[in-house]
N, C-alpha and C. Protein backbone atom coordinates (compact mmCIF):
# COMPACT_ATOMS: atom_id res chain seq x y z
N UNK A 1 -10.44 -16.63 -8.64
CA UNK A 1 -11.09 -16.02 -7.50
C UNK A 1 -11.41 -17.07 -6.44
N UNK A 2 -11.95 -18.18 -6.89
CA UNK A 2 -12.35 -19.23 -5.94
C UNK A 2 -11.14 -19.75 -5.17
N UNK A 3 -10.06 -20.02 -5.88
CA UNK A 3 -8.88 -20.59 -5.21
C UNK A 3 -8.17 -19.56 -4.35
N UNK A 4 -8.11 -18.31 -4.80
CA UNK A 4 -7.54 -17.26 -3.96
C UNK A 4 -8.36 -17.12 -2.69
N UNK A 5 -9.68 -17.19 -2.84
CA UNK A 5 -10.56 -17.08 -1.67
C UNK A 5 -10.32 -18.19 -0.66
N UNK A 6 -10.17 -19.40 -1.14
CA UNK A 6 -9.91 -20.53 -0.24
C UNK A 6 -8.57 -20.35 0.50
N UNK A 7 -7.55 -19.97 -0.24
CA UNK A 7 -6.24 -19.78 0.37
C UNK A 7 -6.24 -18.57 1.30
N UNK A 8 -6.95 -17.52 0.92
CA UNK A 8 -7.02 -16.31 1.75
C UNK A 8 -7.69 -16.62 3.08
N UNK A 9 -8.76 -17.38 3.03
CA UNK A 9 -9.47 -17.75 4.26
C UNK A 9 -8.58 -18.57 5.21
N UNK A 10 -7.60 -19.27 4.64
CA UNK A 10 -6.69 -20.06 5.46
C UNK A 10 -5.50 -19.24 5.97
N UNK A 11 -5.50 -17.93 5.63
CA UNK A 11 -4.47 -17.05 6.17
C UNK A 11 -3.24 -16.87 5.31
N UNK A 12 -3.28 -17.32 4.05
CA UNK A 12 -2.15 -17.18 3.16
C UNK A 12 -2.08 -15.74 2.65
N UNK A 13 -1.04 -15.01 3.06
CA UNK A 13 -0.95 -13.58 2.80
C UNK A 13 -0.95 -13.24 1.31
N UNK A 14 -0.22 -13.98 0.49
CA UNK A 14 -0.17 -13.67 -0.94
C UNK A 14 -1.55 -13.81 -1.57
N UNK A 15 -2.30 -14.83 -1.16
CA UNK A 15 -3.66 -15.01 -1.68
C UNK A 15 -4.57 -13.88 -1.20
N UNK A 16 -4.39 -13.44 0.03
CA UNK A 16 -5.18 -12.32 0.55
C UNK A 16 -4.93 -11.06 -0.28
N UNK A 17 -3.66 -10.82 -0.58
CA UNK A 17 -3.30 -9.67 -1.40
C UNK A 17 -3.91 -9.81 -2.80
N UNK A 18 -3.75 -10.98 -3.42
CA UNK A 18 -4.29 -11.20 -4.76
C UNK A 18 -5.80 -10.99 -4.78
N UNK A 19 -6.47 -11.49 -3.76
CA UNK A 19 -7.92 -11.31 -3.66
C UNK A 19 -8.26 -9.83 -3.54
N UNK A 20 -7.48 -9.10 -2.74
CA UNK A 20 -7.68 -7.66 -2.63
C UNK A 20 -7.56 -6.96 -3.97
N UNK A 21 -6.57 -7.35 -4.76
CA UNK A 21 -6.38 -6.76 -6.09
C UNK A 21 -7.57 -7.03 -7.00
N UNK A 22 -8.06 -8.28 -6.98
CA UNK A 22 -9.21 -8.62 -7.81
C UNK A 22 -10.43 -7.80 -7.41
N UNK A 23 -10.63 -7.67 -6.10
CA UNK A 23 -11.78 -6.91 -5.61
C UNK A 23 -11.65 -5.42 -5.89
N UNK A 24 -10.45 -4.90 -5.76
CA UNK A 24 -10.24 -3.47 -6.02
C UNK A 24 -10.53 -3.14 -7.49
N UNK A 25 -10.10 -4.02 -8.39
CA UNK A 25 -10.26 -3.76 -9.81
C UNK A 25 -11.53 -4.35 -10.41
N UNK A 26 -12.22 -5.23 -9.68
CA UNK A 26 -13.43 -5.85 -10.20
C UNK A 26 -13.16 -6.92 -11.24
N UNK A 27 -12.01 -7.58 -11.16
CA UNK A 27 -11.67 -8.65 -12.11
C UNK A 27 -12.28 -9.97 -11.65
N UNK A 28 -13.30 -10.42 -12.36
CA UNK A 28 -13.94 -11.70 -12.06
C UNK A 28 -14.85 -11.66 -10.85
N UNK A 29 -15.02 -10.49 -10.26
CA UNK A 29 -15.87 -10.32 -9.08
C UNK A 29 -16.54 -8.95 -9.17
N UNK A 30 -17.54 -8.77 -8.33
CA UNK A 30 -18.13 -7.44 -8.20
C UNK A 30 -17.11 -6.56 -7.49
N UNK A 31 -16.79 -5.42 -8.08
CA UNK A 31 -15.79 -4.51 -7.51
C UNK A 31 -16.25 -4.05 -6.13
N UNK A 32 -15.32 -4.09 -5.16
CA UNK A 32 -15.63 -3.64 -3.80
C UNK A 32 -14.37 -3.13 -3.12
N UNK A 33 -14.28 -1.82 -2.96
CA UNK A 33 -13.14 -1.24 -2.25
C UNK A 33 -13.13 -1.67 -0.79
N UNK A 34 -14.30 -1.79 -0.19
CA UNK A 34 -14.38 -2.19 1.22
C UNK A 34 -13.79 -3.58 1.42
N UNK A 35 -14.16 -4.51 0.56
CA UNK A 35 -13.63 -5.87 0.65
C UNK A 35 -12.15 -5.91 0.27
N UNK A 36 -11.74 -5.09 -0.69
CA UNK A 36 -10.33 -5.03 -1.05
C UNK A 36 -9.50 -4.59 0.15
N UNK A 37 -9.97 -3.56 0.84
CA UNK A 37 -9.27 -3.08 2.04
C UNK A 37 -9.19 -4.18 3.09
N UNK A 38 -10.27 -4.89 3.25
CA UNK A 38 -10.30 -5.99 4.24
C UNK A 38 -9.17 -6.98 3.97
N UNK A 39 -9.03 -7.41 2.71
CA UNK A 39 -8.01 -8.41 2.38
C UNK A 39 -6.61 -7.82 2.35
N UNK A 40 -6.48 -6.59 1.89
CA UNK A 40 -5.16 -5.94 1.96
C UNK A 40 -4.70 -5.85 3.41
N UNK A 41 -5.60 -5.48 4.30
CA UNK A 41 -5.23 -5.36 5.72
C UNK A 41 -4.80 -6.70 6.29
N UNK A 42 -5.51 -7.76 5.95
CA UNK A 42 -5.14 -9.10 6.43
C UNK A 42 -3.70 -9.43 6.02
N UNK A 43 -3.39 -9.20 4.76
CA UNK A 43 -2.05 -9.50 4.25
C UNK A 43 -1.02 -8.52 4.79
N UNK A 44 -1.39 -7.25 4.89
CA UNK A 44 -0.46 -6.23 5.38
C UNK A 44 -0.05 -6.48 6.82
N UNK A 45 -0.98 -6.92 7.62
CA UNK A 45 -0.68 -7.20 9.03
C UNK A 45 0.26 -8.38 9.18
N UNK A 46 0.35 -9.21 8.13
CA UNK A 46 1.31 -10.32 8.13
C UNK A 46 2.66 -9.89 7.56
N UNK A 47 2.76 -8.62 7.17
CA UNK A 47 4.03 -8.09 6.68
C UNK A 47 4.23 -8.11 5.19
N UNK A 48 3.21 -8.43 4.41
CA UNK A 48 3.36 -8.48 2.96
C UNK A 48 3.48 -7.05 2.41
N UNK A 49 4.63 -6.78 1.82
CA UNK A 49 4.99 -5.43 1.38
C UNK A 49 3.95 -4.85 0.42
N UNK A 50 3.58 -5.60 -0.61
CA UNK A 50 2.65 -5.07 -1.62
C UNK A 50 1.31 -4.71 -0.98
N UNK A 51 0.88 -5.50 -0.03
CA UNK A 51 -0.40 -5.23 0.64
C UNK A 51 -0.30 -3.99 1.51
N UNK A 52 0.84 -3.82 2.18
CA UNK A 52 1.02 -2.63 2.99
C UNK A 52 0.96 -1.38 2.12
N UNK A 53 1.63 -1.43 0.99
CA UNK A 53 1.63 -0.29 0.07
C UNK A 53 0.23 -0.01 -0.46
N UNK A 54 -0.45 -1.05 -0.94
CA UNK A 54 -1.80 -0.86 -1.48
C UNK A 54 -2.78 -0.37 -0.42
N UNK A 55 -2.65 -0.90 0.79
CA UNK A 55 -3.52 -0.44 1.87
C UNK A 55 -3.27 1.05 2.14
N UNK A 56 -2.01 1.44 2.14
CA UNK A 56 -1.69 2.86 2.30
C UNK A 56 -2.31 3.72 1.21
N UNK A 57 -2.26 3.24 -0.02
CA UNK A 57 -2.86 3.99 -1.12
C UNK A 57 -4.37 4.10 -0.94
N UNK A 58 -5.00 3.04 -0.46
CA UNK A 58 -6.45 3.08 -0.24
C UNK A 58 -6.80 4.13 0.82
N UNK A 59 -6.02 4.18 1.90
CA UNK A 59 -6.26 5.21 2.92
C UNK A 59 -6.01 6.60 2.35
N UNK A 60 -4.98 6.73 1.54
CA UNK A 60 -4.66 8.03 0.96
C UNK A 60 -5.75 8.56 0.04
N UNK A 61 -6.40 7.64 -0.67
CA UNK A 61 -7.45 8.02 -1.61
C UNK A 61 -8.84 7.99 -0.99
N UNK A 62 -8.95 7.38 0.19
CA UNK A 62 -10.26 7.23 0.81
C UNK A 62 -11.13 6.22 0.08
N UNK A 63 -10.52 5.17 -0.41
CA UNK A 63 -11.25 4.12 -1.11
C UNK A 63 -11.50 2.95 -0.16
N UNK A 64 -12.75 2.70 0.16
CA UNK A 64 -13.11 1.59 1.03
C UNK A 64 -12.94 1.89 2.51
N UNK A 65 -12.35 3.02 2.81
CA UNK A 65 -12.14 3.49 4.18
C UNK A 65 -12.23 5.02 4.16
N UNK A 66 -12.37 5.59 5.34
CA UNK A 66 -12.33 7.05 5.42
C UNK A 66 -10.93 7.51 5.03
N UNK A 67 -10.84 8.56 4.23
CA UNK A 67 -9.54 9.08 3.82
C UNK A 67 -8.77 9.53 5.05
N UNK A 68 -7.49 9.08 5.13
CA UNK A 68 -6.68 9.38 6.31
C UNK A 68 -5.21 9.38 5.89
N UNK A 69 -4.65 10.59 5.71
CA UNK A 69 -3.27 10.70 5.25
C UNK A 69 -2.27 10.12 6.25
N UNK A 70 -2.55 10.26 7.54
CA UNK A 70 -1.63 9.72 8.55
C UNK A 70 -1.59 8.20 8.49
N UNK A 71 -2.74 7.58 8.39
CA UNK A 71 -2.81 6.12 8.28
C UNK A 71 -2.15 5.66 6.97
N UNK A 72 -2.38 6.40 5.91
CA UNK A 72 -1.75 6.08 4.63
C UNK A 72 -0.23 6.10 4.77
N UNK A 73 0.29 7.15 5.37
CA UNK A 73 1.74 7.28 5.53
C UNK A 73 2.31 6.15 6.38
N UNK A 74 1.60 5.74 7.40
CA UNK A 74 2.10 4.66 8.27
C UNK A 74 2.23 3.36 7.50
N UNK A 75 1.22 3.01 6.70
CA UNK A 75 1.27 1.76 5.94
C UNK A 75 2.31 1.82 4.83
N UNK A 76 2.37 2.96 4.15
CA UNK A 76 3.35 3.10 3.07
C UNK A 76 4.77 3.05 3.64
N UNK A 77 4.98 3.64 4.81
CA UNK A 77 6.30 3.61 5.43
C UNK A 77 6.71 2.18 5.79
N UNK A 78 5.76 1.37 6.22
CA UNK A 78 6.09 -0.03 6.51
C UNK A 78 6.66 -0.73 5.27
N UNK A 79 6.03 -0.48 4.14
CA UNK A 79 6.52 -1.08 2.89
C UNK A 79 7.86 -0.47 2.49
N UNK A 80 7.99 0.84 2.65
CA UNK A 80 9.24 1.52 2.30
C UNK A 80 10.39 1.04 3.17
N UNK A 81 10.13 0.84 4.44
CA UNK A 81 11.16 0.36 5.35
C UNK A 81 11.66 -1.04 4.99
N UNK A 82 10.83 -1.79 4.26
CA UNK A 82 11.22 -3.13 3.82
C UNK A 82 11.92 -3.09 2.46
N UNK A 83 12.14 -1.88 1.94
CA UNK A 83 12.91 -1.74 0.71
C UNK A 83 12.12 -1.63 -0.57
N UNK A 84 10.81 -1.46 -0.49
CA UNK A 84 10.00 -1.34 -1.70
C UNK A 84 10.24 0.03 -2.35
N UNK A 85 10.73 0.02 -3.58
CA UNK A 85 11.07 1.26 -4.28
C UNK A 85 9.89 2.17 -4.53
N UNK A 86 8.74 1.60 -4.91
CA UNK A 86 7.55 2.42 -5.13
C UNK A 86 7.13 3.10 -3.84
N UNK A 87 7.17 2.35 -2.74
CA UNK A 87 6.78 2.91 -1.45
C UNK A 87 7.77 3.98 -1.01
N UNK A 88 9.05 3.76 -1.29
CA UNK A 88 10.05 4.77 -0.95
C UNK A 88 9.82 6.06 -1.73
N UNK A 89 9.51 5.92 -3.00
CA UNK A 89 9.22 7.09 -3.82
C UNK A 89 7.97 7.81 -3.31
N UNK A 90 6.96 7.04 -2.94
CA UNK A 90 5.73 7.63 -2.40
C UNK A 90 6.02 8.35 -1.09
N UNK A 91 6.89 7.79 -0.26
CA UNK A 91 7.27 8.47 0.98
C UNK A 91 7.92 9.81 0.66
N UNK A 92 8.73 9.86 -0.38
CA UNK A 92 9.31 11.12 -0.81
C UNK A 92 8.24 12.14 -1.14
N UNK A 93 7.23 11.69 -1.86
CA UNK A 93 6.11 12.57 -2.22
C UNK A 93 5.36 13.03 -0.98
N UNK A 94 5.13 12.11 -0.05
CA UNK A 94 4.40 12.48 1.18
C UNK A 94 5.16 13.54 1.96
N UNK A 95 6.47 13.35 2.09
CA UNK A 95 7.28 14.35 2.80
C UNK A 95 7.37 15.66 2.02
N UNK A 96 7.46 15.57 0.72
CA UNK A 96 7.54 16.78 -0.11
C UNK A 96 6.33 17.69 0.10
N UNK A 97 5.15 17.07 0.19
CA UNK A 97 3.91 17.83 0.29
C UNK A 97 3.32 17.89 1.70
N UNK A 98 3.88 17.11 2.62
CA UNK A 98 3.36 17.11 3.99
C UNK A 98 2.04 16.37 4.14
N UNK A 99 1.86 15.30 3.38
CA UNK A 99 0.64 14.49 3.48
C UNK A 99 0.84 13.39 4.52
N UNK A 100 0.20 13.53 5.67
CA UNK A 100 0.27 12.51 6.72
C UNK A 100 1.56 12.53 7.51
N UNK A 101 2.49 13.38 7.14
CA UNK A 101 3.77 13.56 7.83
C UNK A 101 4.08 15.06 7.81
N UNK A 102 4.97 15.47 8.67
CA UNK A 102 5.39 16.88 8.64
C UNK A 102 6.17 17.14 7.36
N UNK A 103 5.85 18.21 6.66
CA UNK A 103 6.56 18.54 5.43
C UNK A 103 8.04 18.70 5.73
N UNK A 104 8.89 18.02 4.92
CA UNK A 104 10.32 18.03 5.19
C UNK A 104 11.05 17.70 3.89
N UNK A 105 11.66 18.72 3.29
CA UNK A 105 12.34 18.51 2.01
C UNK A 105 13.55 17.60 2.13
N UNK A 106 14.23 17.64 3.27
CA UNK A 106 15.40 16.78 3.47
C UNK A 106 14.96 15.31 3.50
N UNK A 107 13.90 15.03 4.23
CA UNK A 107 13.37 13.65 4.29
C UNK A 107 12.86 13.23 2.92
N UNK A 108 12.20 14.14 2.22
CA UNK A 108 11.70 13.82 0.88
C UNK A 108 12.86 13.41 -0.01
N UNK A 109 13.93 14.19 0.00
CA UNK A 109 15.09 13.88 -0.83
C UNK A 109 15.72 12.54 -0.45
N UNK A 110 15.77 12.25 0.85
CA UNK A 110 16.34 10.98 1.33
C UNK A 110 15.54 9.79 0.78
N UNK A 111 14.21 9.88 0.86
CA UNK A 111 13.37 8.79 0.36
C UNK A 111 13.46 8.69 -1.16
N UNK A 112 13.46 9.83 -1.85
CA UNK A 112 13.58 9.79 -3.31
C UNK A 112 14.91 9.16 -3.73
N UNK A 113 15.98 9.46 -3.01
CA UNK A 113 17.29 8.88 -3.33
C UNK A 113 17.28 7.37 -3.14
N UNK A 114 16.69 6.92 -2.03
CA UNK A 114 16.61 5.47 -1.80
C UNK A 114 15.88 4.79 -2.95
N UNK A 115 14.77 5.39 -3.37
CA UNK A 115 13.98 4.82 -4.46
C UNK A 115 14.76 4.87 -5.78
N UNK A 116 15.42 5.98 -6.02
CA UNK A 116 16.19 6.13 -7.27
C UNK A 116 17.33 5.13 -7.32
N UNK A 117 17.95 4.89 -6.19
CA UNK A 117 19.05 3.92 -6.13
C UNK A 117 18.59 2.52 -6.52
N UNK A 118 17.30 2.26 -6.40
CA UNK A 118 16.74 0.98 -6.80
C UNK A 118 16.20 1.00 -8.22
N UNK A 119 16.35 2.15 -8.88
CA UNK A 119 15.89 2.24 -10.26
C UNK A 119 14.47 2.74 -10.43
N UNK A 120 13.88 3.29 -9.38
CA UNK A 120 12.52 3.81 -9.48
C UNK A 120 12.47 4.98 -10.45
N UNK A 121 11.65 4.85 -11.48
CA UNK A 121 11.51 5.92 -12.46
C UNK A 121 10.80 7.13 -11.87
N UNK A 122 9.87 6.89 -10.96
CA UNK A 122 9.12 7.99 -10.34
C UNK A 122 10.03 8.86 -9.48
N UNK A 123 11.02 8.26 -8.86
CA UNK A 123 11.91 9.01 -7.97
C UNK A 123 12.80 9.91 -8.77
């Protein structure tokens, strides 16, 4: 935690993401969704795929931020556009149900196929 914190403060995206994970789960620190979101956002804004995906999930669940399906979809799409299979599968789910995006079965199938082509079990 201490070393991730030092690196995160210096702007290292992977450390920011790792710190967010520790805070979200309460590993070695007092659990804090608000602080997890803070660090996920720092890393996500630098383009770190895992942070973009996790930040999207936090918005989707309303953990540490007000629940916002549109904001969730935007962050998850950023990760999906970079080729993340989990994010692509999640985009399929968002389109299938119309969470934060207009419901569209064709788009859902497209995202699920992209994820499946990468071996995503969820897709």
